[in-house]
C-alpha atoms as a PDB file:
ATOM      1  CA  UNK A   1      25.332  24.408  17.482  1.00  0.00           C
ATOM      2  CA  UNK A   2      24.712  20.676  17.448  1.00  0.00           C
ATOM      3  CA  UNK A   3      21.985  19.588  15.073  1.00  0.00           C
ATOM      4  CA  UNK A   4      19.871  16.443  15.114  1.00  0.00           C
ATOM      5  CA  UNK A   5      17.750  15.037  12.315  1.00  0.00           C
ATOM      6  CA  UNK A   6      14.734  12.885  13.121  1.00  0.00           C
ATOM      7  CA  UNK A   7      14.271  10.988   9.879  1.00  0.00           C
ATOM      8  CA  UNK A   8      11.193   8.976   8.969  1.00  0.00           C
ATOM      9  CA  UNK A   9      12.499   5.923   7.116  1.00  0.00           C
ATOM     10  CA  UNK A  10       9.264   4.260   6.067  1.00  0.00           C
ATOM     11  CA  UNK A  11       7.748   0.950   7.100  1.00  0.00           C
ATOM     12  CA  UNK A  12      10.794  -1.171   6.267  1.00  0.00           C
ATOM     13  CA  UNK A  13      11.458  -0.948   2.530  1.00  0.00           C
ATOM     14  CA  UNK A  14      14.710   0.993   1.864  1.00  0.00           C
ATOM     15  CA  UNK A  15      13.093   2.325  -1.306  1.00  0.00           C
ATOM     16  CA  UNK A  16      10.424   4.112   0.736  1.00  0.00           C
ATOM     17  CA  UNK A  17      12.825   6.878   1.746  1.00  0.00           C
ATOM     18  CA  UNK A  18      11.879  10.282   0.388  1.00  0.00           C
ATOM     19  CA  UNK A  19      14.382  12.486  -1.421  1.00  0.00           C
ATOM     20  CA  UNK A  20      14.344  14.772   1.616  1.00  0.00           C
ATOM     21  CA  UNK A  21      15.228  11.826   3.855  1.00  0.00           C
ATOM     22  CA  UNK A  22      18.103  10.810   1.574  1.00  0.00           C
ATOM     23  CA  UNK A  23      19.493  14.364   1.676  1.00  0.00           C
ATOM     24  CA  UNK A  24      19.279  14.368   5.472  1.00  0.00           C
ATOM     25  CA  UNK A  25      21.110  11.025   5.645  1.00  0.00           C
ATOM     26  CA  UNK A  26      23.861  12.586   3.554  1.00  0.00           C
ATOM     27  CA  UNK A  27      24.278  15.463   6.019  1.00  0.00           C
ATOM     28  CA  UNK A  28      24.545  13.425   9.219  1.00  0.00           C
ATOM     29  CA  UNK A  29      27.909  12.224  10.487  1.00  0.00           C
ATOM     30  CA  UNK A  30      26.628  10.180  13.436  1.00  0.00           C
ATOM     31  CA  UNK A  31      23.605   7.868  13.479  1.00  0.00           C
ATOM     32  CA  UNK A  32      22.088   6.833  16.801  1.00  0.00           C
ATOM     33  CA  UNK A  33      20.549   3.354  16.893  1.00  0.00           C
ATOM     34  CA  UNK A  34      18.825   1.702  19.862  1.00  0.00           C
ATOM     35  CA  UNK A  35      19.459  -1.994  20.435  1.00  0.00           C
ATOM     36  CA  UNK A  36      16.306  -3.780  21.586  1.00  0.00           C
ATOM     37  CA  UNK A  37      17.992  -7.122  22.251  1.00  0.00           C
ATOM     38  CA  UNK A  38      18.881 -10.183  20.221  1.00  0.00           C
ATOM     39  CA  UNK A  39      15.250 -10.989  19.410  1.00  0.00           C
ATOM     40  CA  UNK A  40      14.911  -7.670  17.585  1.00  0.00           C
ATOM     41  CA  UNK A  41      18.378  -7.509  16.058  1.00  0.00           C
ATOM     42  CA  UNK A  42      16.719  -7.495  12.643  1.00  0.00           C
ATOM     43  CA  UNK A  43      15.458  -3.978  13.310  1.00  0.00           C
ATOM     44  CA  UNK A  44      19.031  -2.719  13.678  1.00  0.00           C
ATOM     45  CA  UNK A  45      20.102  -4.592  10.538  1.00  0.00           C
ATOM     46  CA  UNK A  46      17.326  -2.974   8.513  1.00  0.00           C
ATOM     47  CA  UNK A  47      18.534   0.463   9.604  1.00  0.00           C
ATOM     48  CA  UNK A  48      22.122  -0.477   8.755  1.00  0.00           C
ATOM     49  CA  UNK A  49      20.989  -1.591   5.299  1.00  0.00           C
ATOM     50  CA  UNK A  50      19.317   1.779   4.767  1.00  0.00           C
ATOM     51  CA  UNK A  51      22.543   3.555   5.750  1.00  0.00           C
ATOM     52  CA  UNK A  52      24.607   1.364   3.412  1.00  0.00           C
ATOM     53  CA  UNK A  53      22.340   2.322   0.518  1.00  0.00           C
ATOM     54  CA  UNK A  54      21.635   5.969   1.229  1.00  0.00           C
ATOM     55  CA  UNK A  55      24.311   7.485   3.513  1.00  0.00           C
ATOM     56  CA  UNK A  56      27.338   8.079   1.258  1.00  0.00           C
ATOM     57  CA  UNK A  57      29.146  10.469   3.616  1.00  0.00           C
ATOM     58  CA  UNK A  58      31.662   8.859   6.012  1.00  0.00           C
ATOM     59  CA  UNK A  59      29.763   8.346   9.242  1.00  0.00           C
ATOM     60  CA  UNK A  60      29.714   6.605  12.584  1.00  0.00           C
ATOM     61  CA  UNK A  61      26.979   4.384  13.996  1.00  0.00           C
ATOM     62  CA  UNK A  62      26.513   4.608  17.748  1.00  0.00           C
ATOM     63  CA  UNK A  63      24.377   1.878  19.301  1.00  0.00           C
ATOM     64  CA  UNK A  64      22.837   2.214  22.757  1.00  0.00           C
ATOM     65  CA  UNK A  65      20.726  -0.272  24.692  1.00  0.00           C
ATOM     66  CA  UNK A  66      17.026   0.608  24.720  1.00  0.00           C
ATOM     67  CA  UNK A  67      15.597   0.609  28.255  1.00  0.00           C
ATOM     68  CA  UNK A  68      13.057  -2.047  29.168  1.00  0.00           C
ATOM     69  CA  UNK A  69       9.405  -1.083  29.125  1.00  0.00           C
ATOM     70  CA  UNK A  70       6.396  -2.556  30.928  1.00  0.00           C
ATOM     71  CA  UNK A  71       4.132  -3.362  27.980  1.00  0.00           C
ATOM     72  CA  UNK A  72       1.696  -5.390  30.084  1.00  0.00           C
ATOM     73  CA  UNK A  73       0.770  -2.638  32.514  1.00  0.00           C
ATOM     74  CA  UNK A  74      -2.924  -2.368  33.306  1.00  0.00           C
ATOM     75  CA  UNK A  75      -4.826   0.528  31.755  1.00  0.00           C
ATOM     76  CA  UNK A  76      -4.513   2.716  34.841  1.00  0.00           C
ATOM     77  CA  UNK A  77      -0.769   2.126  35.103  1.00  0.00           C
ATOM     78  CA  UNK A  78      -0.037   2.365  31.385  1.00  0.00           C
ATOM     79  CA  UNK A  79       0.579   6.136  31.174  1.00  0.00           C
ATOM     80  CA  UNK A  80       2.940   6.208  34.198  1.00  0.00           C
ATOM     81  CA  UNK A  81       4.849   3.224  32.746  1.00  0.00           C
ATOM     82  CA  UNK A  82       5.263   5.044  29.421  1.00  0.00           C
ATOM     83  CA  UNK A  83       6.357   8.260  31.196  1.00  0.00           C
ATOM     84  CA  UNK A  84       9.023   6.339  33.135  1.00  0.00           C
ATOM     85  CA  UNK A  85      10.273   4.634  29.985  1.00  0.00           C
ATOM     86  CA  UNK A  86      10.431   7.936  28.105  1.00  0.00           C
ATOM     87  CA  UNK A  87      12.400   9.545  30.941  1.00  0.00           C
ATOM     88  CA  UNK A  88      14.971   6.745  30.864  1.00  0.00           C
ATOM     89  CA  UNK A  89      15.159   6.926  27.079  1.00  0.00           C
ATOM     90  CA  UNK A  90      15.641  10.664  27.408  1.00  0.00           C
ATOM     91  CA  UNK A  91      18.645  10.069  29.655  1.00  0.00           C
ATOM     92  CA  UNK A  92      20.173   7.979  26.860  1.00  0.00           C
ATOM     93  CA  UNK A  93      19.390  10.568  24.166  1.00  0.00           C
ATOM     94  CA  UNK A  94      20.893  13.334  26.278  1.00  0.00           C
ATOM     95  CA  UNK A  95      24.103  11.366  26.781  1.00  0.00           C
ATOM     96  CA  UNK A  96      24.377  10.488  23.082  1.00  0.00           C
ATOM     97  CA  UNK A  97      23.942  14.081  21.937  1.00  0.00           C
ATOM     98  CA  UNK A  98      26.284  15.448  24.606  1.00  0.00           C
ATOM     99  CA  UNK A  99      29.066  12.895  24.196  1.00  0.00           C
ATOM    100  CA  UNK A 100      28.934  11.756  20.585  1.00  0.00           C
ATOM    101  CA  UNK A 101      28.395  15.041  18.735  1.00  0.00           C
ATOM    102  CA  UNK A 102      30.898  17.857  18.372  1.00  0.00           C
ATOM    103  CA  UNK A 103      29.673  21.380  19.092  1.00  0.00           C
ATOM    104  CA  UNK A 104      28.917  21.877  15.395  1.00  0.00           C
ATOM    105  CA  UNK A 105      28.194  18.217  14.685  1.00  0.00           C
ATOM    106  CA  UNK A 106      25.173  16.670  13.000  1.00  0.00           C
ATOM    107  CA  UNK A 107      23.524  13.457  14.150  1.00  0.00           C
ATOM    108  CA  UNK A 108      20.359  11.578  13.286  1.00  0.00           C
ATOM    109  CA  UNK A 109      17.761   9.226  14.704  1.00  0.00           C
ATOM    110  CA  UNK A 110      16.103   6.887  12.199  1.00  0.00           C
ATOM    111  CA  UNK A 111      12.402   6.465  12.977  1.00  0.00           C
ATOM    112  CA  UNK A 112      10.170   3.740  11.554  1.00  0.00           C
ATOM    113  CA  UNK A 113       7.310   5.119   9.492  1.00  0.00           C
ATOM    114  CA  UNK A 114       6.605   8.759  10.259  1.00  0.00           C
ATOM    115  CA  UNK A 115       7.960  10.450  13.422  1.00  0.00           C
ATOM    116  CA  UNK A 116       4.601  12.168  14.012  1.00  0.00           C
ATOM    117  CA  UNK A 117       2.571   8.953  14.295  1.00  0.00           C
ATOM    118  CA  UNK A 118       2.790   6.819  17.452  1.00  0.00           C
ATOM    119  CA  UNK A 119       6.483   7.404  17.993  1.00  0.00           C
ATOM    120  CA  UNK A 120       8.120   8.894  21.082  1.00  0.00           C
ATOM    121  CA  UNK A 121      11.267  10.423  19.587  1.00  0.00           C
ATOM    122  CA  UNK A 122       9.949  13.969  19.152  1.00  0.00           C
ATOM    123  CA  UNK A 123       8.452  14.164  22.645  1.00  0.00           C
ATOM    124  CA  UNK A 124      11.665  12.805  24.181  1.00  0.00           C
ATOM    125  CA  UNK A 125      13.864  15.289  22.313  1.00  0.00           C
ATOM    126  CA  UNK A 126      11.620  18.139  23.451  1.00  0.00           C
ATOM    127  CA  UNK A 127      12.038  16.950  27.032  1.00  0.00           C
ATOM    128  CA  UNK A 128      15.820  16.632  26.682  1.00  0.00           C
ATOM    129  CA  UNK A 129      16.045  20.128  25.212  1.00  0.00           C
ATOM    130  CA  UNK A 130      13.896  21.535  28.042  1.00  0.00           C
ATOM    131  CA  UNK A 131      16.212  20.017  30.654  1.00  0.00           C
ATOM    132  CA  UNK A 132      18.990  22.349  29.520  1.00  0.00           C
ATOM    133  CA  UNK A 133      22.680  21.635  29.640  1.00  0.00           C
ATOM    134  CA  UNK A 134      22.824  20.309  26.070  1.00  0.00           C
ATOM    135  CA  UNK A 135      22.420  22.945  23.377  1.00  0.00           C
ATOM    136  CA  UNK A 136      21.083  21.505  20.140  1.00  0.00           C
ATOM    137  CA  UNK A 137      18.461  22.044  17.470  1.00  0.00           C
ATOM    138  CA  UNK A 138      16.531  19.443  15.494  1.00  0.00           C
ATOM    139  CA  UNK A 139      14.779  18.970  12.161  1.00  0.00           C
ATOM    140  CA  UNK A 140      11.993  16.502  11.476  1.00  0.00           C
ATOM    141  CA  UNK A 141      11.828  14.689   8.138  1.00  0.00           C
ATOM    142  CA  UNK A 142       8.449  12.998   7.546  1.00  0.00           C
ATOM    143  CA  UNK A 143       8.301   9.423   6.339  1.00  0.00           C
ATOM    144  CA  UNK A 144       5.917   6.946   4.750  1.00  0.00           C
ATOM    145  CA  UNK A 145       3.950   5.430   7.621  1.00  0.00           C
ATOM    146  CA  UNK A 146       2.934   1.812   8.062  1.00  0.00           C
ATOM    147  CA  UNK A 147      -0.635   3.094   7.755  1.00  0.00           C
ATOM    148  CA  UNK A 148      -0.002   4.419   4.254  1.00  0.00           C
ATOM    149  CA  UNK A 149       1.886   1.247   3.330  1.00  0.00           C
ATOM    150  CA  UNK A 150      -0.941  -0.946   4.612  1.00  0.00           C
ATOM    151  CA  UNK A 151      -3.503   0.840   2.438  1.00  0.00           C
ATOM    152  CA  UNK A 152      -1.222   0.693  -0.600  1.00  0.00           C
ATOM    153  CA  UNK A 153      -0.474  -3.010  -0.207  1.00  0.00           C
ATOM    154  CA  UNK A 154      -4.184  -3.823   0.059  1.00  0.00           C
ATOM    155  CA  UNK A 155      -4.989  -1.413  -2.802  1.00  0.00           C
ATOM    156  CA  UNK A 156      -7.617   0.416  -0.773  1.00  0.00           C
ATOM    157  CA  UNK A 157      -8.230   3.855   0.655  1.00  0.00           C
ATOM    158  CA  UNK A 158      -8.233   4.617   4.350  1.00  0.00           C
ATOM    159  CA  UNK A 159     -11.653   6.239   4.349  1.00  0.00           C
ATOM    160  CA  UNK A 160     -14.943   5.924   2.508  1.00  0.00           C
ATOM    161  CA  UNK A 161     -16.483   8.801   0.574  1.00  0.00           C
ATOM    162  CA  UNK A 162     -17.177  11.714   2.880  1.00  0.00           C
ATOM    163  CA  UNK A 163     -16.500   9.632   5.987  1.00  0.00           C
ATOM    164  CA  UNK A 164     -13.862  10.067   8.728  1.00  0.00           C
ATOM    165  CA  UNK A 165     -11.060   7.667   9.526  1.00  0.00           C
ATOM    166  CA  UNK A 166      -9.641   7.215  13.020  1.00  0.00           C
ATOM    167  CA  UNK A 167      -6.189   5.951  14.008  1.00  0.00           C
ATOM    168  CA  UNK A 168      -6.007   4.356  17.440  1.00  0.00           C
ATOM    169  CA  UNK A 169      -4.289   1.640  19.465  1.00  0.00           C
ATOM    170  CA  UNK A 170      -5.331  -1.908  20.210  1.00  0.00           C
ATOM    171  CA  UNK A 171      -5.599  -1.030  23.899  1.00  0.00           C
ATOM    172  CA  UNK A 172      -8.081   1.779  23.237  1.00  0.00           C
ATOM    173  CA  UNK A 173     -10.069  -0.323  20.753  1.00  0.00           C
ATOM    174  CA  UNK A 174     -10.413  -3.063  23.372  1.00  0.00           C
ATOM    175  CA  UNK A 175     -11.447  -0.581  26.069  1.00  0.00           C
ATOM    176  CA  UNK A 176     -14.071   0.939  23.748  1.00  0.00           C
ATOM    177  CA  UNK A 177     -15.464  -2.478  22.820  1.00  0.00           C
ATOM    178  CA  UNK A 178     -15.670  -1.665  19.117  1.00  0.00           C
ATOM    179  CA  UNK A 179     -15.626   1.083  16.534  1.00  0.00           C
ATOM    180  CA  UNK A 180     -16.582   4.567  17.763  1.00  0.00           C
ATOM    181  CA  UNK A 181     -20.023   5.921  16.912  1.00  0.00           C
ATOM    182  CA  UNK A 182     -20.033   7.685  13.557  1.00  0.00           C
ATOM    183  CA  UNK A 183     -16.710   6.205  12.404  1.00  0.00           C
ATOM    184  CA  UNK A 184     -16.722   3.471   9.760  1.00  0.00           C
ATOM    185  CA  UNK A 185     -12.957   3.106   9.264  1.00  0.00           C
ATOM    186  CA  UNK A 186     -10.456   2.589  12.087  1.00  0.00           C
ATOM    187  CA  UNK A 187      -6.738   1.925  11.716  1.00  0.00           C
ATOM    188  CA  UNK A 188      -5.360   0.018  14.699  1.00  0.00           C
ATOM    189  CA  UNK A 189      -1.710   0.086  15.747  1.00  0.00           C
ATOM    190  CA  UNK A 190       0.248  -1.381  18.671  1.00  0.00           C
ATOM    191  CA  UNK A 191      -2.188  -4.241  19.172  1.00  0.00           C
ATOM    192  CA  UNK A 192      -0.289  -7.001  20.966  1.00  0.00           C
ATOM    193  CA  UNK A 193      -3.615  -8.221  22.388  1.00  0.00           C
ATOM    194  CA  UNK A 194      -5.260  -8.607  18.963  1.00  0.00           C
ATOM    195  CA  UNK A 195      -8.395  -6.733  19.960  1.00  0.00           C
ATOM    196  CA  UNK A 196     -10.025  -7.456  16.594  1.00  0.00           C
ATOM    197  CA  UNK A 197     -10.827 -10.954  17.882  1.00  0.00           C
ATOM    198  CA  UNK A 198     -13.657  -9.609  20.030  1.00  0.00           C
ATOM    199  CA  UNK A 199     -15.317  -7.862  17.067  1.00  0.00           C
ATOM    200  CA  UNK A 200     -16.185 -10.785  14.798  1.00  0.00           C
ATOM    201  CA  UNK A 201     -19.684 -11.030  13.362  1.00  0.00           C
ATOM    202  CA  UNK A 202     -20.279  -7.266  13.494  1.00  0.00           C
ATOM    203  CA  UNK A 203     -20.254  -6.512   9.774  1.00  0.00           C
ATOM    204  CA  UNK A 204     -16.589  -5.499   9.679  1.00  0.00           C
ATOM    205  CA  UNK A 205     -13.933  -6.077   7.035  1.00  0.00           C
ATOM    206  CA  UNK A 206     -10.279  -6.309   8.113  1.00  0.00           C
ATOM    207  CA  UNK A 207      -7.148  -5.455   6.154  1.00  0.00           C
ATOM    208  CA  UNK A 208      -4.194  -6.805   8.143  1.00  0.00           C
ATOM    209  CA  UNK A 209      -0.472  -6.566   7.432  1.00  0.00           C
ATOM    210  CA  UNK A 210       2.778  -7.452   9.179  1.00  0.00           C
ATOM    211  CA  UNK A 211       6.412  -6.566   8.353  1.00  0.00           C
ATOM    212  CA  UNK A 212       5.054  -4.139   5.797  1.00  0.00           C
ATOM    213  CA  UNK A 213       7.540  -3.138   3.134  1.00  0.00           C
ATOM    214  CA  UNK A 214      10.008  -5.908   3.983  1.00  0.00           C
ATOM    215  CA  UNK A 215      10.709  -9.264   2.271  1.00  0.00           C
ATOM    216  CA  UNK A 216       8.804 -10.939   5.136  1.00  0.00           C
ATOM    217  CA  UNK A 217       5.606  -8.968   4.490  1.00  0.00           C
ATOM    218  CA  UNK A 218       2.350 -10.812   5.265  1.00  0.00           C
ATOM    219  CA  UNK A 219      -1.102  -9.646   4.135  1.00  0.00           C
ATOM    220  CA  UNK A 220      -4.518 -11.009   5.063  1.00  0.00           C
ATOM    221  CA  UNK A 221      -7.934  -9.498   4.375  1.00  0.00           C
ATOM    222  CA  UNK A 222     -11.620 -10.343   4.333  1.00  0.00           C
ATOM    223  CA  UNK A 223     -14.843 -10.204   6.328  1.00  0.00           C
ATOM    224  CA  UNK A 224     -13.945 -10.347  10.006  1.00  0.00           C
ATOM    225  CA  UNK A 225     -15.385 -13.666  11.122  1.00  0.00           C
ATOM    226  CA  UNK A 226     -14.074 -16.203  13.629  1.00  0.00           C
ATOM    227  CA  UNK A 227     -12.205 -18.177  10.947  1.00  0.00           C
ATOM    228  CA  UNK A 228     -10.246 -15.180   9.671  1.00  0.00           C
ATOM    229  CA  UNK A 229      -9.583 -13.898  13.197  1.00  0.00           C
ATOM    230  CA  UNK A 230      -8.149 -17.307  14.127  1.00  0.00           C
ATOM    231  CA  UNK A 231      -6.051 -17.354  10.962  1.00  0.00           C
ATOM    232  CA  UNK A 232      -4.578 -13.926  11.720  1.00  0.00           C
ATOM    233  CA  UNK A 233      -3.804 -14.956  15.310  1.00  0.00           C
ATOM    234  CA  UNK A 234      -2.090 -18.154  14.174  1.00  0.00           C
ATOM    235  CA  UNK A 235      -0.152 -16.402  11.407  1.00  0.00           C
ATOM    236  CA  UNK A 236       0.947 -13.666  13.786  1.00  0.00           C
ATOM    237  CA  UNK A 237       2.051 -16.122  16.479  1.00  0.00           C
ATOM    238  CA  UNK A 238       4.044 -18.232  14.003  1.00  0.00           C
ATOM    239  CA  UNK A 239       5.762 -15.203  12.492  1.00  0.00           C
ATOM    240  CA  UNK A 240       6.633 -13.740  15.879  1.00  0.00           C
ATOM    241  CA  UNK A 241       8.058 -17.050  17.105  1.00  0.00           C
ATOM    242  CA  UNK A 242      10.133 -17.396  13.939  1.00  0.00           C
ATOM    243  CA  UNK A 243      11.562 -13.867  13.864  1.00  0.00           C
ATOM    244  CA  UNK A 244      11.461 -12.927  17.545  1.00  0.00           C
ATOM    245  CA  UNK A 245       9.496  -9.731  16.883  1.00  0.00           C
ATOM    246  CA  UNK A 246       6.560  -8.503  14.867  1.00  0.00           C
ATOM    247  CA  UNK A 247       5.265  -5.144  13.677  1.00  0.00           C
ATOM    248  CA  UNK A 248       1.709  -5.262  12.368  1.00  0.00           C
ATOM    249  CA  UNK A 249      -1.260  -3.002  11.868  1.00  0.00           C
ATOM    250  CA  UNK A 250      -4.726  -3.265  10.395  1.00  0.00           C
ATOM    251  CA  UNK A 251      -7.704  -1.352   9.073  1.00  0.00           C
ATOM    252  CA  UNK A 252     -11.218  -2.218  10.246  1.00  0.00           C
ATOM    253  CA  UNK A 253     -13.991  -1.123   7.883  1.00  0.00           C
ATOM    254  CA  UNK A 254     -17.678  -1.211   8.667  1.00  0.00           C
ATOM    255  CA  UNK A 255     -19.431  -2.746   5.681  1.00  0.00           C
ATOM    256  CA  UNK A 256     -22.837  -3.118   7.328  1.00  0.00           C
ATOM    257  CA  UNK A 257     -24.686  -0.523   9.396  1.00  0.00           C
ATOM    258  CA  UNK A 258     -24.351  -1.029  13.163  1.00  0.00           C
ATOM    259  CA  UNK A 259     -27.282  -2.541  15.003  1.00  0.00           C
ATOM    260  CA  UNK A 260     -29.753   0.037  16.388  1.00  0.00           C
ATOM    261  CA  UNK A 261     -28.921   1.122  19.902  1.00  0.00           C
ATOM    262  CA  UNK A 262     -31.593   0.644  22.515  1.00  0.00           C
ATOM    263  CA  UNK A 263     -32.201   2.806  25.568  1.00  0.00           C
ATOM    264  CA  UNK A 264     -29.748   0.718  27.599  1.00  0.00           C
ATOM    265  CA  UNK A 265     -26.964   1.446  25.086  1.00  0.00           C
ATOM    266  CA  UNK A 266     -27.177   5.239  25.268  1.00  0.00           C
ATOM    267  CA  UNK A 267     -24.552   7.306  27.037  1.00  0.00           C
ATOM    268  CA  UNK A 268     -26.594   7.590  30.217  1.00  0.00           C
ATOM    269  CA  UNK A 269     -27.279   3.855  30.514  1.00  0.00           C
ATOM    270  CA  UNK A 270     -30.726   2.366  31.314  1.00  0.00           C
ATOM    271  CA  UNK A 271     -33.553   4.757  32.026  1.00  0.00           C
END
């Protein structure tokens, strides 16, 4: 039977691979990479560098073009846009597994960070397998996430003593208008809109990082005021213009208690 590895490769540093990931790289004979266009060619090169260092077995690299995705869809249209993109990606995965792997062959997808955290590969493979027609099995190898790398680079924990931590997206943070009730630490991913900018002056501390684990890594941290928010925006815009792409994430930490909520702020609204 065909076998596929889904290998978490860390946030960008080739030395972040686990021993389990290195062993899996040594078993695969075909590696599937998705080309996201010239602007993001660096993402393919980073994967190729990892293979040069850690995949000693003779292997092939098969590159397919990643389908376009509507990243600016309004909130109500966001889920359907993601479903359509996943379906089209699934068509590509199905073709790669069917055409590029022998019946007893072993292939691999290299996933940034950890495959279980804000990545679509596992859900797409489940869908492809459920379609039938392509018989294969798969193994998931966890990786060091950008969240873990962010905390390590800033030399901080993700949560405070006895307190929860929440991981969410910039879209959901913006829709919520701030940190959830009862949560003092929120890690924000996929935030092209930079939702933190609307939360200045609320007693929050931000730990921000881009290109984590790579030579281009950028770190900024401090009380979230207008000056720091502007600095992060400017730094992010400059880096994205220079490289053509950016991957960033941040931790928001409440350092002051939230303002008391009045009757108009309760779940039922004014009474």
